[in-house]
């Protein structure tokens, strides 16, 4: 009986000892996270899924649009296909998700996409919300007006109505620098351009590459020479903290730069949209090597 009683007394003590062992601190110099099993690699997650999910524009030619057959095409879209080919062995192992300017960051934050390839200009505010890779394009924001407009310079728009697409660099810059100017906002680039064509505003502010392309296809408009802010890089974006995918894209851009891949896409999609004297290096950033 004494032995049984003694055993009953020891059982709780053994339990306490086991619990104490579970709470032992990590080895010096190692965090608790470092001593636990490593989390799954993000690239391995994509490979296990066998599909790369990319957010793209559908109404912003020549960078991202849908052709007559319903196929996603364009400069950015073809980069997405090449990423899928090099990561998964097949350019068709990519799922394109249509995004608008204002939905690009939320789609990354909510894991609806792995990557954004949708003409996203790098800004300090956006860098707080997402991680950008090295750039692939360079851009400036300008405004377009009808040929018959009395507007000659940006300041002439102070008492006019300026069309912008919500969430674009133009929207952000004008809201910050000219909060008293009247902005007419639309969610889609196509809606903004249609509003300009319908005369619902006096000007449309947007990335100049888009304006140059649209003006060439729609005679009767001119782009104001003044820039809204400085020239800036455009880059793919990943979820904040996803350094593994960011670093992979940077390495991929460097590799593609060696074969002048972006120049090929420029010749295919962009060159015909711009004036003949436009230099490719004023538009593309080959190999991710930005030179301001």
Protein backbone atom coordinates (compact mmCIF):
# COMPACT_ATOMS: atom_id res chain seq x y z
CA UNK A 1 0.00 0.00 0.00
CA UNK A 2 2.87 2.37 0.82
CA UNK A 3 4.43 1.68 -2.59
CA UNK A 4 1.19 2.44 -4.41
CA UNK A 5 0.74 5.62 -2.37
CA UNK A 6 4.30 6.71 -3.16
CA UNK A 7 3.74 6.09 -6.92
CA UNK A 8 0.63 8.27 -6.87
CA UNK A 9 2.64 11.06 -5.30
CA UNK A 10 5.38 10.82 -7.96
CA UNK A 11 3.05 10.87 -11.00
CA UNK A 12 2.19 14.59 -10.74
CA UNK A 13 5.84 15.40 -10.20
CA UNK A 14 6.81 13.59 -13.42
CA UNK A 15 4.09 15.51 -15.26
CA UNK A 16 5.41 18.82 -13.97
CA UNK A 17 8.91 17.87 -15.03
CA UNK A 18 7.73 17.09 -18.56
CA UNK A 19 5.88 20.39 -18.78
CA UNK A 20 8.95 22.24 -17.55
CA UNK A 21 11.03 20.53 -20.22
CA UNK A 22 8.59 21.76 -22.91
CA UNK A 23 9.08 25.33 -21.76
CA UNK A 24 12.87 25.30 -21.81
CA UNK A 25 14.26 28.43 -23.55
CA UNK A 26 15.85 28.15 -26.97
CA UNK A 27 19.58 27.72 -27.25
CA UNK A 28 21.55 30.94 -26.82
CA UNK A 29 21.47 32.96 -30.03
CA UNK A 30 18.43 31.14 -31.41
CA UNK A 31 14.82 32.36 -31.38
CA UNK A 32 11.89 30.07 -30.76
CA UNK A 33 11.01 30.32 -34.46
CA UNK A 34 14.51 29.25 -35.40
CA UNK A 35 14.29 26.08 -33.31
CA UNK A 36 10.90 25.05 -34.70
CA UNK A 37 10.35 23.20 -37.96
CA UNK A 38 10.94 25.49 -40.97
CA UNK A 39 7.86 26.78 -42.77
CA UNK A 40 7.12 25.68 -46.31
CA UNK A 41 9.02 27.53 -49.00
CA UNK A 42 6.78 29.90 -50.99
CA UNK A 43 8.31 28.73 -54.26
CA UNK A 44 7.63 25.14 -53.23
CA UNK A 45 4.03 26.11 -52.52
CA UNK A 46 3.70 27.46 -56.06
CA UNK A 47 5.32 24.32 -57.46
CA UNK A 48 3.01 22.08 -55.45
CA UNK A 49 0.04 24.06 -56.76
CA UNK A 50 1.61 23.79 -60.25
CA UNK A 51 0.39 27.26 -61.11
CA UNK A 52 1.65 30.83 -60.80
CA UNK A 53 -1.13 33.35 -60.06
CA UNK A 54 -0.49 36.81 -61.50
CA UNK A 55 -2.54 40.00 -61.28
CA UNK A 56 -2.67 41.89 -64.59
CA UNK A 57 -4.61 44.68 -66.28
CA UNK A 58 -7.13 43.80 -68.96
CA UNK A 59 -7.72 47.29 -70.37
CA UNK A 60 -4.29 48.89 -70.58
CA UNK A 61 -2.73 48.13 -73.96
CA UNK A 62 -0.01 47.51 -74.88
CA UNK A 63 0.88 46.24 -71.40
CA UNK A 64 -2.11 44.18 -70.35
CA UNK A 65 -5.30 43.63 -72.33
CA UNK A 66 -7.63 40.97 -73.74
CA UNK A 67 -7.57 40.29 -77.48
CA UNK A 68 -10.50 39.42 -79.75
CA UNK A 69 -10.28 35.74 -78.83
CA UNK A 70 -10.44 36.49 -75.10
CA UNK A 71 -6.76 35.72 -74.50
CA UNK A 72 -4.75 37.77 -72.02
CA UNK A 73 -1.93 39.46 -73.96
CA UNK A 74 0.54 42.29 -73.64
CA UNK A 75 3.99 43.26 -72.42
CA UNK A 76 3.30 42.47 -68.74
CA UNK A 77 1.26 39.36 -69.51
CA UNK A 78 4.03 37.81 -71.58
CA UNK A 79 6.47 38.40 -68.73
CA UNK A 80 4.10 36.43 -66.51
CA UNK A 81 4.07 33.55 -68.99
CA UNK A 82 7.87 33.51 -69.13
CA UNK A 83 8.04 33.47 -65.33
CA UNK A 84 5.73 30.43 -65.31
CA UNK A 85 7.85 28.69 -67.93
CA UNK A 86 11.08 29.18 -66.02
CA UNK A 87 9.59 28.32 -62.62
CA UNK A 88 7.19 25.51 -63.59
CA UNK A 89 8.44 24.38 -66.98
CA UNK A 90 5.37 25.49 -68.95
CA UNK A 91 4.28 29.02 -69.87
CA UNK A 92 0.66 27.91 -69.70
CA UNK A 93 0.93 27.13 -65.98
CA UNK A 94 -0.09 30.67 -65.12
CA UNK A 95 -3.46 31.97 -63.97
CA UNK A 96 -4.14 35.60 -64.76
CA UNK A 97 -6.38 37.56 -62.41
CA UNK A 98 -7.83 40.85 -63.63
CA UNK A 99 -6.98 43.77 -61.33
CA UNK A 100 -7.76 47.47 -61.25
CA UNK A 101 -5.28 50.09 -60.01
CA UNK A 102 -6.93 50.32 -56.59
CA UNK A 103 -7.18 46.53 -56.13
CA UNK A 104 -3.55 45.63 -56.80
CA UNK A 105 -2.31 45.99 -53.24
CA UNK A 106 -5.39 44.42 -51.56
CA UNK A 107 -5.13 41.41 -53.89
CA UNK A 108 -1.53 40.85 -52.77
CA UNK A 109 -2.35 41.36 -49.11
CA UNK A 110 -5.24 38.89 -49.23
CA UNK A 111 -3.21 36.25 -51.13
CA UNK A 112 -5.48 36.33 -54.18
CA UNK A 113 -2.35 36.56 -56.35
CA UNK A 114 1.32 35.66 -55.97
CA UNK A 115 2.57 38.56 -58.01
CA UNK A 116 1.40 41.82 -59.56
CA UNK A 117 2.48 42.61 -63.12
CA UNK A 118 0.23 45.57 -63.78
CA UNK A 119 2.19 48.75 -64.50
CA UNK A 120 2.68 49.49 -60.81
CA UNK A 121 4.84 52.57 -60.28
CA UNK A 122 7.18 52.38 -57.30
CA UNK A 123 6.31 55.05 -54.71
CA UNK A 124 7.31 55.47 -51.05
CA UNK A 125 3.68 54.94 -49.96
CA UNK A 126 3.33 51.71 -51.90
CA UNK A 127 6.67 50.43 -50.60
CA UNK A 128 5.15 50.53 -47.12
CA UNK A 129 2.41 48.13 -48.22
CA UNK A 130 4.16 45.72 -50.65
CA UNK A 131 7.63 44.60 -51.66
CA UNK A 132 8.77 45.64 -55.12
CA UNK A 133 11.27 43.71 -57.18
CA UNK A 134 13.81 45.42 -59.39
CA UNK A 135 12.10 47.49 -62.11
CA UNK A 136 11.23 46.48 -65.66
CA UNK A 137 9.89 49.82 -66.98
CA UNK A 138 10.31 53.54 -66.47
CA UNK A 139 7.47 56.02 -66.61
CA UNK A 140 6.35 59.55 -65.90
CA UNK A 141 2.86 60.90 -65.34
CA UNK A 142 1.49 63.51 -67.73
CA UNK A 143 -1.89 64.82 -68.83
CA UNK A 144 -3.64 64.66 -72.18
CA UNK A 145 -6.09 67.22 -73.57
CA UNK A 146 -8.00 67.74 -76.79
CA UNK A 147 -6.16 69.60 -79.55
CA UNK A 148 -8.64 72.46 -79.33
CA UNK A 149 -8.27 72.90 -75.59
CA UNK A 150 -6.97 76.26 -74.32
CA UNK A 151 -4.88 74.36 -71.75
CA UNK A 152 -1.16 74.75 -72.47
CA UNK A 153 0.42 73.88 -69.11
CA UNK A 154 -0.44 71.95 -65.98
CA UNK A 155 -1.38 75.04 -63.97
CA UNK A 156 -4.06 75.83 -66.55
CA UNK A 157 -5.97 72.86 -65.16
CA UNK A 158 -6.45 74.51 -61.75
CA UNK A 159 -10.06 75.46 -62.56
CA UNK A 160 -10.77 72.51 -64.87
CA UNK A 161 -11.98 68.95 -64.37
CA UNK A 162 -9.22 66.33 -64.51
CA UNK A 163 -10.09 62.70 -65.11
CA UNK A 164 -8.06 60.11 -63.18
CA UNK A 165 -8.27 56.40 -62.54
CA UNK A 166 -8.63 55.61 -58.85
CA UNK A 167 -5.44 54.39 -57.17
CA UNK A 168 -3.07 55.42 -59.96
CA UNK A 169 0.04 57.51 -59.43
CA UNK A 170 -1.74 60.42 -61.11
CA UNK A 171 -4.63 60.19 -58.65
CA UNK A 172 -2.26 60.03 -55.67
CA UNK A 173 -0.02 62.87 -56.89
CA UNK A 174 -2.85 65.27 -57.72
CA UNK A 175 -4.69 64.52 -54.46
CA UNK A 176 -1.52 65.23 -52.48
CA UNK A 177 -0.19 68.25 -54.38
CA UNK A 178 -3.42 69.90 -55.57
CA UNK A 179 -6.14 68.86 -53.12
CA UNK A 180 -8.36 71.76 -54.23
CA UNK A 181 -8.39 70.74 -57.91
CA UNK A 182 -11.47 68.94 -59.21
CA UNK A 183 -10.89 65.27 -60.01
CA UNK A 184 -13.37 63.00 -61.77
CA UNK A 185 -12.49 59.43 -60.80
CA UNK A 186 -13.20 56.09 -62.47
CA UNK A 187 -12.21 52.57 -61.46
CA UNK A 188 -11.03 51.41 -64.88
CA UNK A 189 -8.58 52.96 -67.33
CA UNK A 190 -11.00 52.23 -70.17
CA UNK A 191 -13.76 54.12 -68.33
CA UNK A 192 -11.48 57.12 -67.85
CA UNK A 193 -10.50 57.22 -71.51
CA UNK A 194 -14.14 56.90 -72.56
CA UNK A 195 -15.00 59.82 -70.29
CA UNK A 196 -12.26 61.89 -71.95
CA UNK A 197 -13.57 60.99 -75.40
CA UNK A 198 -17.10 61.97 -74.29
CA UNK A 199 -15.88 65.36 -73.08
CA UNK A 200 -16.74 64.73 -69.43
CA UNK A 201 -13.43 66.25 -68.33
CA UNK A 202 -10.88 68.75 -69.63
CA UNK A 203 -7.89 66.43 -69.30
CA UNK A 204 -6.87 62.90 -68.32
CA UNK A 205 -3.78 62.34 -66.13
CA UNK A 206 -2.12 58.93 -66.42
CA UNK A 207 1.19 57.17 -67.13
CA UNK A 208 2.59 58.84 -70.23
CA UNK A 209 3.15 55.56 -72.10
CA UNK A 210 -0.58 54.93 -71.99
CA UNK A 211 -1.33 58.48 -73.12
CA UNK A 212 1.15 58.35 -76.02
CA UNK A 213 -0.35 55.08 -77.20
CA UNK A 214 -3.93 56.34 -76.95
CA UNK A 215 -3.15 59.64 -78.67
CA UNK A 216 -1.57 57.81 -81.59
CA UNK A 217 -4.69 55.67 -82.02
CA UNK A 218 -7.09 58.57 -81.44
CA UNK A 219 -6.06 61.67 -83.41
CA UNK A 220 -7.17 65.00 -82.00
CA UNK A 221 -5.39 64.89 -78.64
CA UNK A 222 -2.04 66.11 -77.36
CA UNK A 223 0.01 65.30 -74.27
CA UNK A 224 1.09 68.25 -72.11
CA UNK A 225 4.90 68.35 -71.83
CA UNK A 226 5.01 68.98 -68.06
CA UNK A 227 5.48 65.99 -65.76
CA UNK A 228 3.37 65.37 -62.67
CA UNK A 229 6.26 64.48 -60.38
CA UNK A 230 9.52 62.81 -61.37
CA UNK A 231 10.19 59.93 -63.72
CA UNK A 232 9.88 56.72 -61.71
CA UNK A 233 10.43 52.97 -62.04
CA UNK A 234 7.66 50.46 -62.62
CA UNK A 235 8.22 47.04 -61.06
CA UNK A 236 6.54 43.74 -60.28
CA UNK A 237 5.26 43.55 -56.69
CA UNK A 238 4.87 40.75 -54.14
CA UNK A 239 3.27 40.55 -50.74
CA UNK A 240 5.13 42.42 -48.00
CA UNK A 241 7.75 40.13 -46.50
CA UNK A 242 7.79 37.61 -49.36
CA UNK A 243 11.53 37.97 -49.89
CA UNK A 244 11.85 34.51 -51.44
CA UNK A 245 9.61 35.29 -54.41
CA UNK A 246 11.00 38.82 -54.66
CA UNK A 247 14.57 37.52 -54.88
CA UNK A 248 13.56 34.88 -57.44
CA UNK A 249 11.98 37.54 -59.67
CA UNK A 250 15.08 39.73 -59.35
CA UNK A 251 17.29 36.84 -60.44
CA UNK A 252 14.88 36.07 -63.27
CA UNK A 253 14.88 39.67 -64.52
CA UNK A 254 18.69 39.66 -64.48
CA UNK A 255 18.75 36.45 -66.52
CA UNK A 256 16.17 37.74 -68.99
CA UNK A 257 18.23 40.90 -69.36
CA UNK A 258 21.11 38.87 -70.76
CA UNK A 259 18.93 37.72 -73.65
CA UNK A 260 17.31 41.16 -74.11
CA UNK A 261 13.90 39.66 -73.42
CA UNK A 262 12.23 42.98 -72.59
CA UNK A 263 13.54 44.50 -75.81
CA UNK A 264 11.83 41.70 -77.72
CA UNK A 265 8.56 42.45 -75.93
CA UNK A 266 9.06 46.17 -76.60
CA UNK A 267 9.45 45.45 -80.32
CA UNK A 268 6.37 43.22 -80.27
CA UNK A 269 3.98 45.38 -78.26
CA UNK A 270 5.26 48.87 -77.52
CA UNK A 271 7.38 50.21 -80.38
CA UNK A 272 4.48 50.65 -82.80
CA UNK A 273 2.51 52.58 -80.15
CA UNK A 274 5.13 55.31 -79.75
CA UNK A 275 6.80 57.83 -82.02
CA UNK A 276 9.54 56.53 -84.29
CA UNK A 277 12.27 58.47 -82.47
CA UNK A 278 11.48 56.91 -79.05
CA UNK A 279 14.49 55.09 -77.65
CA UNK A 280 13.71 51.70 -76.06
CA UNK A 281 15.96 52.44 -73.08
CA UNK A 282 13.71 55.40 -72.24
CA UNK A 283 10.88 52.91 -71.68
CA UNK A 284 12.28 49.52 -70.61
CA UNK A 285 14.71 48.65 -67.82
CA UNK A 286 16.56 45.60 -69.07
CA UNK A 287 17.92 43.25 -66.42
CA UNK A 288 16.32 45.25 -63.62
CA UNK A 289 19.17 47.77 -63.68
CA UNK A 290 17.60 51.13 -62.97
CA UNK A 291 19.53 54.25 -63.86
CA UNK A 292 17.77 57.42 -62.78
